[in-house]
Amino acid sequence: MKLKGSKYVFSEMGINELQRNRKRMLELFEGFKEYIESGEDTAETERIKREIEEMEFRDGKKKK
């Protein structure tokens, strides 16, 4: 299928899409940055480690 229309129109559409993607990526980055800076990720990591250790202990994979 051959596209019809001005190459400038398609270029403008592409640029607009890139700008939307850039804005969304910046929003995601800011959210992730806030999450890391809050320390919440560290707390979650510790909680997950404890849960894994409890499951391993319960399943007999780890000695007391």
N, C-alpha and C. Protein backbone atom coordinates (compact mmCIF):
# COMPACT_ATOMS: atom_id res chain seq x y z
N MET A 1 0.85 -1.18 0.00
CA MET A 1 0.00 0.00 0.00
C MET A 1 0.90 1.24 0.00
N LYS A 2 0.60 2.13 -0.88
CA LYS A 2 1.39 3.36 -0.99
C LYS A 2 0.68 4.48 -0.23
N LEU A 3 1.47 5.18 0.60
CA LEU A 3 0.90 6.30 1.34
C LEU A 3 0.76 7.50 0.43
N LYS A 4 -0.31 8.22 0.61
CA LYS A 4 -0.53 9.44 -0.16
C LYS A 4 -0.51 10.62 0.78
N GLY A 5 -0.05 11.74 0.30
CA GLY A 5 -0.05 12.95 1.11
C GLY A 5 1.32 13.59 1.11
N SER A 6 1.36 14.75 1.65
CA SER A 6 2.60 15.51 1.70
C SER A 6 3.56 14.89 2.69
N LYS A 7 4.82 14.79 2.30
CA LYS A 7 5.82 14.25 3.23
C LYS A 7 5.94 15.15 4.45
N TYR A 8 5.60 16.41 4.30
CA TYR A 8 5.67 17.33 5.43
C TYR A 8 4.58 17.04 6.45
N VAL A 9 3.43 16.63 5.97
CA VAL A 9 2.34 16.27 6.88
C VAL A 9 2.75 15.05 7.69
N PHE A 10 3.30 14.03 7.02
CA PHE A 10 3.74 12.83 7.73
C PHE A 10 4.88 13.16 8.68
N SER A 11 5.76 14.07 8.29
CA SER A 11 6.86 14.47 9.16
C SER A 11 6.32 15.15 10.41
N GLU A 12 5.34 16.03 10.22
CA GLU A 12 4.76 16.73 11.37
C GLU A 12 4.08 15.74 12.31
N MET A 13 3.38 14.76 11.74
CA MET A 13 2.73 13.75 12.56
C MET A 13 3.78 12.96 13.34
N GLY A 14 4.89 12.63 12.69
CA GLY A 14 5.96 11.90 13.35
C GLY A 14 6.59 12.70 14.47
N ILE A 15 6.82 13.98 14.21
CA ILE A 15 7.40 14.86 15.23
C ILE A 15 6.47 14.98 16.42
N ASN A 16 5.18 15.14 16.16
CA ASN A 16 4.20 15.23 17.25
C ASN A 16 4.20 13.96 18.09
N GLU A 17 4.28 12.82 17.42
CA GLU A 17 4.30 11.54 18.14
C GLU A 17 5.57 11.43 18.99
N LEU A 18 6.69 11.83 18.44
CA LEU A 18 7.94 11.80 19.20
C LEU A 18 7.86 12.72 20.42
N GLN A 19 7.26 13.88 20.26
CA GLN A 19 7.12 14.81 21.38
C GLN A 19 6.22 14.23 22.46
N ARG A 20 5.14 13.57 22.06
CA ARG A 20 4.25 12.92 23.03
C ARG A 20 5.00 11.81 23.78
N ASN A 21 5.77 11.02 23.02
CA ASN A 21 6.54 9.94 23.65
C ASN A 21 7.57 10.50 24.62
N ARG A 22 8.23 11.57 24.23
CA ARG A 22 9.25 12.20 25.09
C ARG A 22 8.61 12.69 26.40
N LYS A 23 7.45 13.34 26.27
CA LYS A 23 6.75 13.85 27.45
C LYS A 23 6.37 12.69 28.38
N ARG A 24 5.87 11.61 27.81
CA ARG A 24 5.46 10.45 28.61
C ARG A 24 6.68 9.82 29.30
N MET A 25 7.79 9.72 28.59
CA MET A 25 9.01 9.16 29.18
C MET A 25 9.50 10.02 30.34
N LEU A 26 9.43 11.34 30.18
CA LEU A 26 9.83 12.24 31.27
C LEU A 26 8.93 12.08 32.48
N GLU A 27 7.63 11.91 32.24
CA GLU A 27 6.69 11.70 33.34
C GLU A 27 7.00 10.40 34.08
N LEU A 28 7.28 9.34 33.32
CA LEU A 28 7.62 8.06 33.93
C LEU A 28 8.92 8.16 34.73
N PHE A 29 9.90 8.85 34.16
CA PHE A 29 11.17 9.02 34.84
C PHE A 29 10.99 9.78 36.15
N GLU A 30 10.22 10.85 36.12
CA GLU A 30 9.99 11.64 37.33
C GLU A 30 9.31 10.79 38.41
N GLY A 31 8.33 9.99 38.00
CA GLY A 31 7.65 9.12 38.96
C GLY A 31 8.61 8.10 39.56
N PHE A 32 9.45 7.52 38.72
CA PHE A 32 10.42 6.54 39.19
C PHE A 32 11.44 7.20 40.12
N LYS A 33 11.87 8.40 39.75
CA LYS A 33 12.84 9.15 40.57
C LYS A 33 12.25 9.43 41.96
N GLU A 34 11.00 9.85 42.00
CA GLU A 34 10.34 10.11 43.29
C GLU A 34 10.24 8.84 44.12
N TYR A 35 9.94 7.73 43.47
CA TYR A 35 9.83 6.43 44.14
C TYR A 35 11.17 6.05 44.77
N ILE A 36 12.25 6.19 44.02
CA ILE A 36 13.58 5.86 44.52
C ILE A 36 13.98 6.80 45.66
N GLU A 37 13.76 8.09 45.46
CA GLU A 37 14.14 9.07 46.48
C GLU A 37 13.35 8.90 47.77
N SER A 38 12.15 8.37 47.67
CA SER A 38 11.32 8.19 48.87
C SER A 38 11.83 7.07 49.77
N GLY A 39 12.65 6.19 49.21
CA GLY A 39 13.15 5.05 49.98
C GLY A 39 12.19 3.88 49.98
N GLU A 40 11.07 4.04 49.32
CA GLU A 40 10.06 2.99 49.29
C GLU A 40 10.59 1.72 48.64
N ASP A 41 11.46 1.88 47.64
CA ASP A 41 12.00 0.71 46.96
C ASP A 41 12.85 -0.13 47.91
N THR A 42 13.60 0.52 48.78
CA THR A 42 14.44 -0.20 49.74
C THR A 42 13.57 -0.98 50.72
N ALA A 43 12.52 -0.34 51.19
CA ALA A 43 11.60 -1.01 52.12
C ALA A 43 10.95 -2.22 51.45
N GLU A 44 10.55 -2.07 50.20
CA GLU A 44 9.93 -3.17 49.46
C GLU A 44 10.93 -4.31 49.25
N THR A 45 12.16 -3.97 48.92
CA THR A 45 13.19 -4.99 48.71
C THR A 45 13.40 -5.81 49.98
N GLU A 46 13.48 -5.14 51.11
CA GLU A 46 13.66 -5.83 52.39
C GLU A 46 12.46 -6.72 52.71
N ARG A 47 11.27 -6.21 52.46
CA ARG A 47 10.05 -6.99 52.71
C ARG A 47 10.04 -8.24 51.84
N ILE A 48 10.39 -8.11 50.58
CA ILE A 48 10.41 -9.24 49.65
C ILE A 48 11.46 -10.26 50.08
N LYS A 49 12.63 -9.79 50.49
CA LYS A 49 13.68 -10.71 50.97
C LYS A 49 13.19 -11.52 52.16
N ARG A 50 12.53 -10.85 53.11
CA ARG A 50 12.00 -11.55 54.29
C ARG A 50 10.98 -12.60 53.88
N GLU A 51 10.10 -12.25 52.97
CA GLU A 51 9.07 -13.19 52.53
C GLU A 51 9.69 -14.40 51.85
N ILE A 52 10.71 -14.18 51.04
CA ILE A 52 11.39 -15.29 50.37
C ILE A 52 12.07 -16.20 51.40
N GLU A 53 12.75 -15.59 52.37
CA GLU A 53 13.39 -16.38 53.42
C GLU A 53 12.37 -17.20 54.20
N GLU A 54 11.22 -16.60 54.50
CA GLU A 54 10.17 -17.33 55.22
C GLU A 54 9.65 -18.49 54.39
N MET A 55 9.46 -18.29 53.09
CA MET A 55 8.98 -19.37 52.23
C MET A 55 10.02 -20.48 52.13
N GLU A 56 11.30 -20.11 51.99
CA GLU A 56 12.36 -21.12 51.91
C GLU A 56 12.44 -21.91 53.21
N PHE A 57 12.33 -21.23 54.33
CA PHE A 57 12.37 -21.89 55.63
C PHE A 57 11.19 -22.85 55.76
N ARG A 58 10.01 -22.38 55.38
CA ARG A 58 8.80 -23.18 55.45
C ARG A 58 8.90 -24.41 54.55
N ASP A 59 9.53 -24.26 53.40
CA ASP A 59 9.67 -25.37 52.45
C ASP A 59 10.85 -26.27 52.78
N GLY A 60 11.60 -25.94 53.83
CA GLY A 60 12.73 -26.76 54.24
C GLY A 60 13.97 -26.57 53.39
N LYS A 61 14.02 -25.51 52.63
CA LYS A 61 15.17 -25.27 51.77
C LYS A 61 16.32 -24.62 52.52
N LYS A 62 16.02 -24.06 53.68
CA LYS A 62 17.04 -23.38 54.46
C LYS A 62 17.07 -23.97 55.85
N LYS A 63 18.27 -24.15 56.37
CA LYS A 63 18.39 -24.68 57.72
C LYS A 63 18.19 -23.56 58.73
N LYS A 64 17.74 -23.94 59.93
CA LYS A 64 17.53 -22.97 61.01
C LYS A 64 18.82 -22.36 61.46
